[in-house]
Amino acid sequence: MTAARGRVARRVEAGRAQRLVPWLVRALWAALPFTVGPALADAVAAASGPVRAVASTGLWLGWSAGMLASAAPHPVALTVLRLLAPGVVVATAAAALAGHPSAVAAGWAAVVVAWVFAPALGAHCVNGPAYPNERRFLLRVPGPLLAGPIVLAWALTATGTATGPLLLAARRWVLGAICLVVGLPVAVLLGRAFHNLSRRWVVFVPAGLVLHDPLTLVDPVLFRRQLIARLEPATATRADDDVLDLTQAAPGLALEMLLSEPVPVSVVRPGRRQGRSASPSRLRFTPTRPGAVLEEAGRRRIRVG
């Protein structure tokens, strides 16, 4: 009885802490004009009037978009925040290289990025539009993307958005027009790709568990609770010949779901419209919060190993 009460108390405390995270992110973002803003203002002060106006307008638009996103729990808001937050660090570093370093700005930018990418904020955003009887848990970013492509894609998104308007403001008409015509579509395309990372989750529903991952599965798949024999941490000692690995080499603890009978799924094949059919009896995936997933599974009467 005492142990059960302790678990309930820990869940209540954890829930309270998670509810505070969105408010913390809002406060940190709201303070950016007073902490990071002065350094950026000094960095653009020497530019021409039109360039300074375009840069200032872009910075205020980005800040406003971040404030709106921080107040709206939604996967789109999560994508917006996680695209904008690294820009705060890059802009602060650029200001420092231009001769306007600020310890306050650098420290504040680092704290903002850390909390924007916190798993608790991700859980808050993806569960915003969920039904009351649902519970969503984000999946980790695939390992190969973390090796460099995701940084390159972010850089292309940022430069594609900002370079064209700044060049036009500097009266570099031809180059600015080219960057605008080419850069904006590229930024939109990559932005949509980034949003797919915010739409990858495992969902607990009354009927069981749903895997929703557009990077690995053609369509979301429901695994009924009656068919889930066990959900447990994946181990390297278990044979891998009959397991469907959906982790995509993501870092962190992977979970393995054992089924009492195979369930048909359609696995994404890059570059092809038709997926590859499979009927696994074991699957692996890597959530950002594996412990919370196992705890939720236990509450949903799914056997946890």
C-alpha atoms as a PDB file:
ATOM      1  CA  MET A   1       0.000   0.000   0.000  1.00  0.00           C
ATOM      2  CA  THR A   2       2.812   2.392   0.905  1.00  0.00           C
ATOM      3  CA  ALA A   3       4.628   1.646  -2.357  1.00  0.00           C
ATOM      4  CA  ALA A   4       1.451   2.257  -4.353  1.00  0.00           C
ATOM      5  CA  ARG A   5       0.905   5.571  -2.612  1.00  0.00           C
ATOM      6  CA  GLY A   6       4.502   6.501  -3.335  1.00  0.00           C
ATOM      7  CA  ARG A   7       4.044   5.790  -7.021  1.00  0.00           C
ATOM      8  CA  VAL A   8       0.879   7.878  -7.121  1.00  0.00           C
ATOM      9  CA  ALA A   9       2.634  10.749  -5.352  1.00  0.00           C
ATOM     10  CA  ARG A  10       5.538  10.596  -7.803  1.00  0.00           C
ATOM     11  CA  ARG A  11       3.122  10.645 -10.758  1.00  0.00           C
ATOM     12  CA  VAL A  12       1.358  13.691  -9.322  1.00  0.00           C
ATOM     13  CA  GLU A  13       4.643  15.517  -8.772  1.00  0.00           C
ATOM     14  CA  ALA A  14       5.858  14.616 -12.257  1.00  0.00           C
ATOM     15  CA  GLY A  15       2.579  15.840 -13.760  1.00  0.00           C
ATOM     16  CA  ARG A  16       2.893  19.162 -11.958  1.00  0.00           C
ATOM     17  CA  ALA A  17       6.485  19.595 -13.142  1.00  0.00           C
ATOM     18  CA  GLN A  18       5.496  18.830 -16.745  1.00  0.00           C
ATOM     19  CA  ARG A  19       2.689  21.395 -16.603  1.00  0.00           C
ATOM     20  CA  LEU A  20       5.222  24.028 -15.535  1.00  0.00           C
ATOM     21  CA  VAL A  21       7.494  23.450 -18.535  1.00  0.00           C
ATOM     22  CA  PRO A  22       5.253  25.214 -21.129  1.00  0.00           C
ATOM     23  CA  TRP A  23       4.970  28.239 -18.841  1.00  0.00           C
ATOM     24  CA  LEU A  24       8.737  28.273 -18.400  1.00  0.00           C
ATOM     25  CA  VAL A  25       9.250  28.208 -22.179  1.00  0.00           C
ATOM     26  CA  ARG A  26       6.766  31.071 -22.607  1.00  0.00           C
ATOM     27  CA  ALA A  27       8.573  33.145 -19.985  1.00  0.00           C
ATOM     28  CA  LEU A  28      11.989  32.441 -21.507  1.00  0.00           C
ATOM     29  CA  TRP A  29      10.747  33.319 -24.995  1.00  0.00           C
ATOM     30  CA  ALA A  30       8.958  36.468 -23.781  1.00  0.00           C
ATOM     31  CA  ALA A  31      12.229  37.723 -22.277  1.00  0.00           C
ATOM     32  CA  LEU A  32      14.254  37.337 -25.495  1.00  0.00           C
ATOM     33  CA  PRO A  33      13.860  41.004 -26.556  1.00  0.00           C
ATOM     34  CA  PHE A  34      15.400  42.069 -23.234  1.00  0.00           C
ATOM     35  CA  THR A  35      18.170  39.454 -23.024  1.00  0.00           C
ATOM     36  CA  VAL A  36      19.200  38.639 -26.602  1.00  0.00           C
ATOM     37  CA  GLY A  37      17.628  41.635 -28.333  1.00  0.00           C
ATOM     38  CA  PRO A  38      20.214  44.285 -27.368  1.00  0.00           C
ATOM     39  CA  ALA A  39      23.107  42.266 -28.792  1.00  0.00           C
ATOM     40  CA  LEU A  40      21.256  41.697 -32.067  1.00  0.00           C
ATOM     41  CA  ALA A  41      20.265  45.367 -32.266  1.00  0.00           C
ATOM     42  CA  ASP A  42      23.901  46.388 -31.880  1.00  0.00           C
ATOM     43  CA  ALA A  43      24.949  43.909 -34.570  1.00  0.00           C
ATOM     44  CA  VAL A  44      22.580  45.336 -37.208  1.00  0.00           C
ATOM     45  CA  ALA A  45      23.021  48.982 -36.215  1.00  0.00           C
ATOM     46  CA  ALA A  46      25.831  49.542 -38.720  1.00  0.00           C
ATOM     47  CA  ALA A  47      23.822  48.183 -41.667  1.00  0.00           C
ATOM     48  CA  SER A  48      21.977  50.379 -44.130  1.00  0.00           C
ATOM     49  CA  GLY A  49      18.470  51.564 -43.291  1.00  0.00           C
ATOM     50  CA  PRO A  50      16.597  49.075 -45.513  1.00  0.00           C
ATOM     51  CA  VAL A  51      18.717  46.128 -44.361  1.00  0.00           C
ATOM     52  CA  ARG A  52      18.276  47.117 -40.744  1.00  0.00           C
ATOM     53  CA  ALA A  53      14.517  47.443 -41.233  1.00  0.00           C
ATOM     54  CA  VAL A  54      14.208  44.029 -42.903  1.00  0.00           C
ATOM     55  CA  ALA A  55      16.413  42.359 -40.280  1.00  0.00           C
ATOM     56  CA  SER A  56      14.490  43.937 -37.401  1.00  0.00           C
ATOM     57  CA  THR A  57      11.145  43.027 -38.955  1.00  0.00           C
ATOM     58  CA  GLY A  58      12.268  39.432 -39.454  1.00  0.00           C
ATOM     59  CA  LEU A  59      13.482  39.155 -35.861  1.00  0.00           C
ATOM     60  CA  TRP A  60      10.229  40.535 -34.469  1.00  0.00           C
ATOM     61  CA  LEU A  61       8.181  38.245 -36.721  1.00  0.00           C
ATOM     62  CA  GLY A  62      10.197  35.259 -35.530  1.00  0.00           C
ATOM     63  CA  TRP A  63       9.750  36.262 -31.906  1.00  0.00           C
ATOM     64  CA  SER A  64       6.002  36.758 -32.409  1.00  0.00           C
ATOM     65  CA  ALA A  65       5.659  33.374 -34.110  1.00  0.00           C
ATOM     66  CA  GLY A  66       7.513  31.762 -31.204  1.00  0.00           C
ATOM     67  CA  MET A  67       5.274  33.448 -28.642  1.00  0.00           C
ATOM     68  CA  LEU A  68       2.173  32.273 -30.480  1.00  0.00           C
ATOM     69  CA  ALA A  69       3.572  28.743 -30.778  1.00  0.00           C
ATOM     70  CA  SER A  70       4.484  28.619 -27.086  1.00  0.00           C
ATOM     71  CA  ALA A  71       0.855  29.398 -26.212  1.00  0.00           C
ATOM     72  CA  ALA A  72      -0.657  26.792 -28.549  1.00  0.00           C
ATOM     73  CA  PRO A  73      -0.110  23.116 -27.589  1.00  0.00           C
ATOM     74  CA  HIS A  74      -0.005  21.516 -31.023  1.00  0.00           C
ATOM     75  CA  PRO A  75       2.530  19.532 -33.123  1.00  0.00           C
ATOM     76  CA  VAL A  76       2.742  22.495 -35.533  1.00  0.00           C
ATOM     77  CA  ALA A  77       3.688  24.737 -32.614  1.00  0.00           C
ATOM     78  CA  LEU A  78       6.395  22.273 -31.606  1.00  0.00           C
ATOM     79  CA  THR A  79       7.836  22.364 -35.136  1.00  0.00           C
ATOM     80  CA  VAL A  80       7.811  26.175 -35.172  1.00  0.00           C
ATOM     81  CA  LEU A  81       9.564  26.441 -31.813  1.00  0.00           C
ATOM     82  CA  ARG A  82      12.190  23.842 -32.716  1.00  0.00           C
ATOM     83  CA  LEU A  83      12.919  25.621 -35.988  1.00  0.00           C
ATOM     84  CA  LEU A  84      13.164  29.061 -34.383  1.00  0.00           C
ATOM     85  CA  ALA A  85      15.090  28.242 -31.196  1.00  0.00           C
ATOM     86  CA  PRO A  86      18.390  27.243 -32.894  1.00  0.00           C
ATOM     87  CA  GLY A  87      18.154  30.514 -34.831  1.00  0.00           C
ATOM     88  CA  VAL A  88      18.416  32.395 -31.528  1.00  0.00           C
ATOM     89  CA  VAL A  89      21.741  30.680 -30.825  1.00  0.00           C
ATOM     90  CA  VAL A  90      23.031  31.250 -34.372  1.00  0.00           C
ATOM     91  CA  ALA A  91      22.011  34.924 -34.334  1.00  0.00           C
ATOM     92  CA  THR A  92      23.684  35.426 -30.950  1.00  0.00           C
ATOM     93  CA  ALA A  93      26.870  33.780 -32.208  1.00  0.00           C
ATOM     94  CA  ALA A  94      26.798  35.917 -35.367  1.00  0.00           C
ATOM     95  CA  ALA A  95      26.445  39.058 -33.255  1.00  0.00           C
ATOM     96  CA  ALA A  96      29.427  37.974 -31.156  1.00  0.00           C
ATOM     97  CA  LEU A  97      31.538  37.375 -34.268  1.00  0.00           C
ATOM     98  CA  ALA A  98      30.540  40.832 -35.509  1.00  0.00           C
ATOM     99  CA  GLY A  99      32.060  42.363 -32.370  1.00  0.00           C
ATOM    100  CA  HIS A 100      29.009  42.453 -30.085  1.00  0.00           C
ATOM    101  CA  PRO A 101      29.402  39.550 -27.657  1.00  0.00           C
ATOM    102  CA  SER A 102      27.045  39.213 -24.718  1.00  0.00           C
ATOM    103  CA  ALA A 103      27.312  36.608 -21.996  1.00  0.00           C
ATOM    104  CA  VAL A 104      23.686  37.201 -21.040  1.00  0.00           C
ATOM    105  CA  ALA A 105      22.495  36.704 -24.611  1.00  0.00           C
ATOM    106  CA  ALA A 106      24.578  33.559 -25.108  1.00  0.00           C
ATOM    107  CA  GLY A 107      23.470  32.022 -21.833  1.00  0.00           C
ATOM    108  CA  TRP A 108      19.815  32.883 -22.353  1.00  0.00           C
ATOM    109  CA  ALA A 109      19.838  31.499 -25.912  1.00  0.00           C
ATOM    110  CA  ALA A 110      21.352  28.226 -24.684  1.00  0.00           C
ATOM    111  CA  VAL A 111      18.721  27.874 -21.949  1.00  0.00           C
ATOM    112  CA  VAL A 112      15.913  28.567 -24.420  1.00  0.00           C
ATOM    113  CA  VAL A 113      17.150  25.856 -26.797  1.00  0.00           C
ATOM    114  CA  ALA A 114      17.554  23.355 -23.964  1.00  0.00           C
ATOM    115  CA  TRP A 115      13.961  23.786 -22.788  1.00  0.00           C
ATOM    116  CA  VAL A 116      12.432  23.952 -26.270  1.00  0.00           C
ATOM    117  CA  PHE A 117      13.962  20.552 -27.036  1.00  0.00           C
ATOM    118  CA  ALA A 118      13.013  19.092 -23.640  1.00  0.00           C
ATOM    119  CA  PRO A 119      10.900  15.912 -23.909  1.00  0.00           C
ATOM    120  CA  ALA A 120       8.327  17.411 -21.533  1.00  0.00           C
ATOM    121  CA  LEU A 121       7.570  20.249 -23.962  1.00  0.00           C
ATOM    122  CA  GLY A 122       7.283  17.760 -26.825  1.00  0.00           C
ATOM    123  CA  ALA A 123       4.785  15.703 -24.833  1.00  0.00           C
ATOM    124  CA  HIS A 124       2.777  18.834 -24.019  1.00  0.00           C
ATOM    125  CA  CYS A 125       2.555  19.920 -27.659  1.00  0.00           C
ATOM    126  CA  VAL A 126       1.728  16.587 -29.277  1.00  0.00           C
ATOM    127  CA  ASN A 127      -0.979  15.871 -26.714  1.00  0.00           C
ATOM    128  CA  GLY A 128      -2.679  19.235 -27.257  1.00  0.00           C
ATOM    129  CA  PRO A 129      -5.065  18.037 -30.011  1.00  0.00           C
ATOM    130  CA  ALA A 130      -5.331  14.479 -28.654  1.00  0.00           C
ATOM    131  CA  TYR A 131      -8.641  13.050 -27.430  1.00  0.00           C
ATOM    132  CA  PRO A 132      -9.087  12.921 -23.639  1.00  0.00           C
ATOM    133  CA  ASN A 133      -8.669   9.127 -23.598  1.00  0.00           C
ATOM    134  CA  GLU A 134      -5.473   9.254 -25.696  1.00  0.00           C
ATOM    135  CA  ARG A 135      -1.896   9.665 -24.586  1.00  0.00           C
ATOM    136  CA  ARG A 136       0.850  10.391 -27.129  1.00  0.00           C
ATOM    137  CA  PHE A 137       4.615   9.910 -26.732  1.00  0.00           C
ATOM    138  CA  LEU A 138       7.093  11.287 -29.243  1.00  0.00           C
ATOM    139  CA  LEU A 139       9.617   9.039 -30.958  1.00  0.00           C
ATOM    140  CA  ARG A 140      13.282  10.001 -31.091  1.00  0.00           C
ATOM    141  CA  VAL A 141      14.882  11.510 -34.184  1.00  0.00           C
ATOM    142  CA  PRO A 142      16.489   8.837 -36.422  1.00  0.00           C
ATOM    143  CA  GLY A 143      20.194   8.446 -35.757  1.00  0.00           C
ATOM    144  CA  PRO A 144      21.382   9.017 -39.358  1.00  0.00           C
ATOM    145  CA  LEU A 145      19.697  12.436 -39.373  1.00  0.00           C
ATOM    146  CA  LEU A 146      21.529  13.463 -36.216  1.00  0.00           C
ATOM    147  CA  ALA A 147      24.863  12.694 -37.887  1.00  0.00           C
ATOM    148  CA  GLY A 148      24.641  15.896 -39.947  1.00  0.00           C
ATOM    149  CA  PRO A 149      21.716  16.012 -42.395  1.00  0.00           C
ATOM    150  CA  ILE A 150      19.342  17.606 -39.895  1.00  0.00           C
ATOM    151  CA  VAL A 151      21.795  20.453 -39.217  1.00  0.00           C
ATOM    152  CA  LEU A 152      22.312  21.008 -42.934  1.00  0.00           C
ATOM    153  CA  ALA A 153      18.558  20.962 -43.550  1.00  0.00           C
ATOM    154  CA  TRP A 154      18.007  23.523 -40.788  1.00  0.00           C
ATOM    155  CA  ALA A 155      20.726  25.768 -42.231  1.00  0.00           C
ATOM    156  CA  LEU A 156      19.125  25.598 -45.685  1.00  0.00           C
ATOM    157  CA  THR A 157      15.728  26.398 -44.177  1.00  0.00           C
ATOM    158  CA  ALA A 158      17.069  29.425 -42.318  1.00  0.00           C
ATOM    159  CA  THR A 159      19.134  30.800 -45.204  1.00  0.00           C
ATOM    160  CA  GLY A 160      16.358  30.128 -47.698  1.00  0.00           C
ATOM    161  CA  THR A 161      13.989  32.218 -45.588  1.00  0.00           C
ATOM    162  CA  ALA A 162      16.283  35.142 -44.731  1.00  0.00           C
ATOM    163  CA  THR A 163      18.808  35.541 -47.556  1.00  0.00           C
ATOM    164  CA  GLY A 164      16.484  36.706 -50.320  1.00  0.00           C
ATOM    165  CA  PRO A 165      14.788  39.565 -48.408  1.00  0.00           C
ATOM    166  CA  LEU A 166      18.121  40.782 -46.984  1.00  0.00           C
ATOM    167  CA  LEU A 167      19.781  40.827 -50.402  1.00  0.00           C
ATOM    168  CA  LEU A 168      16.848  42.708 -51.895  1.00  0.00           C
ATOM    169  CA  ALA A 169      17.037  45.220 -49.049  1.00  0.00           C
ATOM    170  CA  ALA A 170      20.737  45.671 -49.865  1.00  0.00           C
ATOM    171  CA  ARG A 171      19.772  46.436 -53.503  1.00  0.00           C
ATOM    172  CA  ARG A 172      21.299  43.215 -54.813  1.00  0.00           C
ATOM    173  CA  TRP A 173      18.307  42.802 -57.070  1.00  0.00           C
ATOM    174  CA  VAL A 174      19.294  39.882 -59.300  1.00  0.00           C
ATOM    175  CA  LEU A 175      20.939  37.735 -56.632  1.00  0.00           C
ATOM    176  CA  GLY A 176      18.203  38.604 -54.155  1.00  0.00           C
ATOM    177  CA  ALA A 177      15.452  37.616 -56.581  1.00  0.00           C
ATOM    178  CA  ILE A 178      17.189  34.316 -57.335  1.00  0.00           C
ATOM    179  CA  CYS A 179      17.593  33.524 -53.648  1.00  0.00           C
ATOM    180  CA  LEU A 180      13.977  34.453 -53.005  1.00  0.00           C
ATOM    181  CA  VAL A 181      12.584  32.332 -55.837  1.00  0.00           C
ATOM    182  CA  VAL A 182      14.782  29.339 -55.007  1.00  0.00           C
ATOM    183  CA  GLY A 183      15.196  29.710 -51.257  1.00  0.00           C
ATOM    184  CA  LEU A 184      11.597  30.060 -50.129  1.00  0.00           C
ATOM    185  CA  PRO A 185      10.299  26.871 -51.838  1.00  0.00           C
ATOM    186  CA  VAL A 186      13.271  24.962 -50.434  1.00  0.00           C
ATOM    187  CA  ALA A 187      12.556  26.351 -46.959  1.00  0.00           C
ATOM    188  CA  VAL A 188       8.884  25.365 -47.224  1.00  0.00           C
ATOM    189  CA  LEU A 189       9.764  21.858 -48.412  1.00  0.00           C
ATOM    190  CA  LEU A 190      12.285  21.331 -45.625  1.00  0.00           C
ATOM    191  CA  GLY A 191       9.888  22.834 -43.081  1.00  0.00           C
ATOM    192  CA  ARG A 192       7.330  20.193 -44.000  1.00  0.00           C
ATOM    193  CA  ALA A 193      10.018  17.524 -43.609  1.00  0.00           C
ATOM    194  CA  PHE A 194      10.865  18.874 -40.153  1.00  0.00           C
ATOM    195  CA  HIS A 195       7.191  18.753 -39.223  1.00  0.00           C
ATOM    196  CA  ASN A 196       7.171  15.003 -39.896  1.00  0.00           C
ATOM    197  CA  LEU A 197       9.544  14.681 -36.928  1.00  0.00           C
ATOM    198  CA  SER A 198       6.827  16.239 -34.734  1.00  0.00           C
ATOM    199  CA  ARG A 199       4.251  13.738 -36.030  1.00  0.00           C
ATOM    200  CA  ARG A 200       6.061  10.578 -34.979  1.00  0.00           C
ATOM    201  CA  TRP A 201       4.579   9.091 -31.841  1.00  0.00           C
ATOM    202  CA  VAL A 202       3.244   6.051 -30.053  1.00  0.00           C
ATOM    203  CA  VAL A 203      -0.356   6.558 -28.949  1.00  0.00           C
ATOM    204  CA  PHE A 204      -2.204   4.757 -26.178  1.00  0.00           C
ATOM    205  CA  VAL A 205      -5.910   4.517 -26.969  1.00  0.00           C
ATOM    206  CA  PRO A 206      -8.698   2.555 -25.225  1.00  0.00           C
ATOM    207  CA  ALA A 207      -8.345  -0.299 -27.738  1.00  0.00           C
ATOM    208  CA  GLY A 208      -4.584  -0.640 -27.358  1.00  0.00           C
ATOM    209  CA  LEU A 209      -1.511   1.025 -28.827  1.00  0.00           C
ATOM    210  CA  VAL A 210      -1.055   2.876 -32.129  1.00  0.00           C
ATOM    211  CA  LEU A 211       2.241   3.487 -33.885  1.00  0.00           C
ATOM    212  CA  HIS A 212       2.058   6.699 -35.920  1.00  0.00           C
ATOM    213  CA  ASP A 213       5.337   7.227 -37.763  1.00  0.00           C
ATOM    214  CA  PRO A 214       5.231   8.607 -41.331  1.00  0.00           C
ATOM    215  CA  LEU A 215       8.970   7.958 -41.685  1.00  0.00           C
ATOM    216  CA  THR A 216       8.664   4.203 -41.224  1.00  0.00           C
ATOM    217  CA  LEU A 217       4.994   3.226 -41.654  1.00  0.00           C
ATOM    218  CA  VAL A 218       2.769   4.050 -44.611  1.00  0.00           C
ATOM    219  CA  ASP A 219      -0.283   4.291 -42.327  1.00  0.00           C
ATOM    220  CA  PRO A 220      -0.767   4.308 -38.543  1.00  0.00           C
ATOM    221  CA  VAL A 221      -1.167   0.802 -37.136  1.00  0.00           C
ATOM    222  CA  LEU A 222      -3.346  -0.205 -34.198  1.00  0.00           C
ATOM    223  CA  PHE A 223      -2.101  -3.045 -32.012  1.00  0.00           C
ATOM    224  CA  ARG A 224      -5.022  -4.212 -29.906  1.00  0.00           C
ATOM    225  CA  ARG A 225      -4.379  -4.685 -26.227  1.00  0.00           C
ATOM    226  CA  GLN A 226      -5.470  -8.326 -26.413  1.00  0.00           C
ATOM    227  CA  LEU A 227      -2.692  -9.036 -28.945  1.00  0.00           C
ATOM    228  CA  ILE A 228       0.109  -7.327 -26.991  1.00  0.00           C
ATOM    229  CA  ALA A 229       1.799 -10.076 -25.011  1.00  0.00           C
ATOM    230  CA  ARG A 230       4.392  -7.780 -23.448  1.00  0.00           C
ATOM    231  CA  LEU A 231       6.057  -4.375 -23.775  1.00  0.00           C
ATOM    232  CA  GLU A 232       9.591  -4.220 -22.440  1.00  0.00           C
ATOM    233  CA  PRO A 233      13.024  -2.639 -22.949  1.00  0.00           C
ATOM    234  CA  ALA A 234      14.790  -4.112 -25.958  1.00  0.00           C
ATOM    235  CA  THR A 235      17.867  -6.204 -25.222  1.00  0.00           C
ATOM    236  CA  ALA A 236      20.807  -6.986 -27.476  1.00  0.00           C
ATOM    237  CA  THR A 237      20.824 -10.615 -26.386  1.00  0.00           C
ATOM    238  CA  ARG A 238      17.491 -11.420 -28.009  1.00  0.00           C
ATOM    239  CA  ALA A 239      17.599 -12.751 -31.584  1.00  0.00           C
ATOM    240  CA  ASP A 240      16.736 -10.143 -34.219  1.00  0.00           C
ATOM    241  CA  ASP A 241      15.729 -12.397 -37.103  1.00  0.00           C
ATOM    242  CA  ASP A 242      11.968 -11.972 -36.591  1.00  0.00           C
ATOM    243  CA  VAL A 243      11.809  -8.407 -35.228  1.00  0.00           C
ATOM    244  CA  LEU A 244      10.638  -5.358 -37.188  1.00  0.00           C
ATOM    245  CA  ASP A 245      13.081  -2.622 -36.204  1.00  0.00           C
ATOM    246  CA  LEU A 246      11.459   0.818 -36.469  1.00  0.00           C
ATOM    247  CA  THR A 247      14.065   2.590 -34.337  1.00  0.00           C
ATOM    248  CA  GLN A 248      16.069   3.859 -37.345  1.00  0.00           C
ATOM    249  CA  ALA A 249      19.197   3.737 -35.173  1.00  0.00           C
ATOM    250  CA  ALA A 250      17.847   6.463 -32.895  1.00  0.00           C
ATOM    251  CA  PRO A 251      19.910   6.968 -29.726  1.00  0.00           C
ATOM    252  CA  GLY A 252      18.425   6.021 -26.385  1.00  0.00           C
ATOM    253  CA  LEU A 253      16.592   3.069 -24.900  1.00  0.00           C
ATOM    254  CA  ALA A 254      14.451   1.191 -27.417  1.00  0.00           C
ATOM    255  CA  LEU A 255      11.289  -0.658 -26.425  1.00  0.00           C
ATOM    256  CA  GLU A 256      10.219  -3.991 -27.830  1.00  0.00           C
ATOM    257  CA  MET A 257       6.589  -5.028 -28.247  1.00  0.00           C
ATOM    258  CA  LEU A 258       5.851  -8.749 -28.372  1.00  0.00           C
ATOM    259  CA  LEU A 259       2.603  -9.799 -30.008  1.00  0.00           C
ATOM    260  CA  SER A 260       0.625 -12.982 -29.461  1.00  0.00           C
ATOM    261  CA  GLU A 261       0.063 -13.168 -33.227  1.00  0.00           C
ATOM    262  CA  PRO A 262       1.496 -11.296 -36.242  1.00  0.00           C
ATOM    263  CA  VAL A 263      -0.098  -7.993 -37.263  1.00  0.00           C
ATOM    264  CA  PRO A 264       0.128  -6.832 -40.907  1.00  0.00           C
ATOM    265  CA  VAL A 265       1.860  -3.481 -41.459  1.00  0.00           C
ATOM    266  CA  SER A 266       3.091  -1.548 -44.488  1.00  0.00           C
ATOM    267  CA  VAL A 267       6.654  -0.297 -44.092  1.00  0.00           C
ATOM    268  CA  VAL A 268       7.844   2.798 -45.962  1.00  0.00           C
ATOM    269  CA  ARG A 269      10.280   2.219 -48.812  1.00  0.00           C
ATOM    270  CA  PRO A 270      12.209   5.432 -49.615  1.00  0.00           C
ATOM    271  CA  GLY A 271      11.507   6.732 -53.102  1.00  0.00           C
ATOM    272  CA  ARG A 272       8.522   4.442 -53.695  1.00  0.00           C
ATOM    273  CA  ARG A 273       4.826   5.036 -53.298  1.00  0.00           C
ATOM    274  CA  GLN A 274       4.013   1.467 -52.328  1.00  0.00           C
ATOM    275  CA  GLY A 275       5.195   0.220 -48.963  1.00  0.00           C
ATOM    276  CA  ARG A 276       6.706  -3.144 -48.118  1.00  0.00           C
ATOM    277  CA  SER A 277       4.254  -5.531 -46.493  1.00  0.00           C
ATOM    278  CA  ALA A 278       5.281  -7.234 -43.283  1.00  0.00           C
ATOM    279  CA  SER A 279       3.574  -9.226 -40.519  1.00  0.00           C
ATOM    280  CA  PRO A 280       5.839  -8.990 -37.479  1.00  0.00           C
ATOM    281  CA  SER A 281       5.275 -10.591 -34.123  1.00  0.00           C
ATOM    282  CA  ARG A 282       7.855  -8.277 -32.519  1.00  0.00           C
ATOM    283  CA  LEU A 283       8.536  -4.605 -33.088  1.00  0.00           C
ATOM    284  CA  ARG A 284      11.046  -2.119 -31.764  1.00  0.00           C
ATOM    285  CA  PHE A 285      10.717   1.648 -31.479  1.00  0.00           C
ATOM    286  CA  THR A 286      12.512   4.386 -29.540  1.00  0.00           C
ATOM    287  CA  PRO A 287      10.367   6.913 -27.648  1.00  0.00           C
ATOM    288  CA  THR A 288      11.835  10.029 -26.098  1.00  0.00           C
ATOM    289  CA  ARG A 289      10.507   8.956 -22.681  1.00  0.00           C
ATOM    290  CA  PRO A 290      10.613   5.139 -22.523  1.00  0.00           C
ATOM    291  CA  GLY A 291       9.986   5.024 -18.784  1.00  0.00           C
ATOM    292  CA  ALA A 292       6.806   7.074 -19.136  1.00  0.00           C
ATOM    293  CA  VAL A 293       5.662   4.814 -21.986  1.00  0.00           C
ATOM    294  CA  LEU A 294       6.083   1.700 -19.843  1.00  0.00           C
ATOM    295  CA  GLU A 295       4.305   3.374 -16.947  1.00  0.00           C
ATOM    296  CA  GLU A 296       1.377   4.360 -19.160  1.00  0.00           C
ATOM    297  CA  ALA A 297       1.245   0.846 -20.609  1.00  0.00           C
ATOM    298  CA  GLY A 298       0.909  -0.562 -17.105  1.00  0.00           C
ATOM    299  CA  ARG A 299      -1.975   1.806 -16.377  1.00  0.00           C
ATOM    300  CA  ARG A 300      -3.618   0.660 -19.614  1.00  0.00           C
ATOM    301  CA  ARG A 301      -3.458  -2.989 -18.491  1.00  0.00           C
ATOM    302  CA  ILE A 302      -0.721  -3.873 -20.978  1.00  0.00           C
ATOM    303  CA  ARG A 303       1.764  -6.328 -19.572  1.00  0.00           C
ATOM    304  CA  VAL A 304       5.145  -4.686 -18.999  1.00  0.00           C
ATOM    305  CA  GLY A 305       8.325  -6.752 -18.878  1.00  0.00           C
END
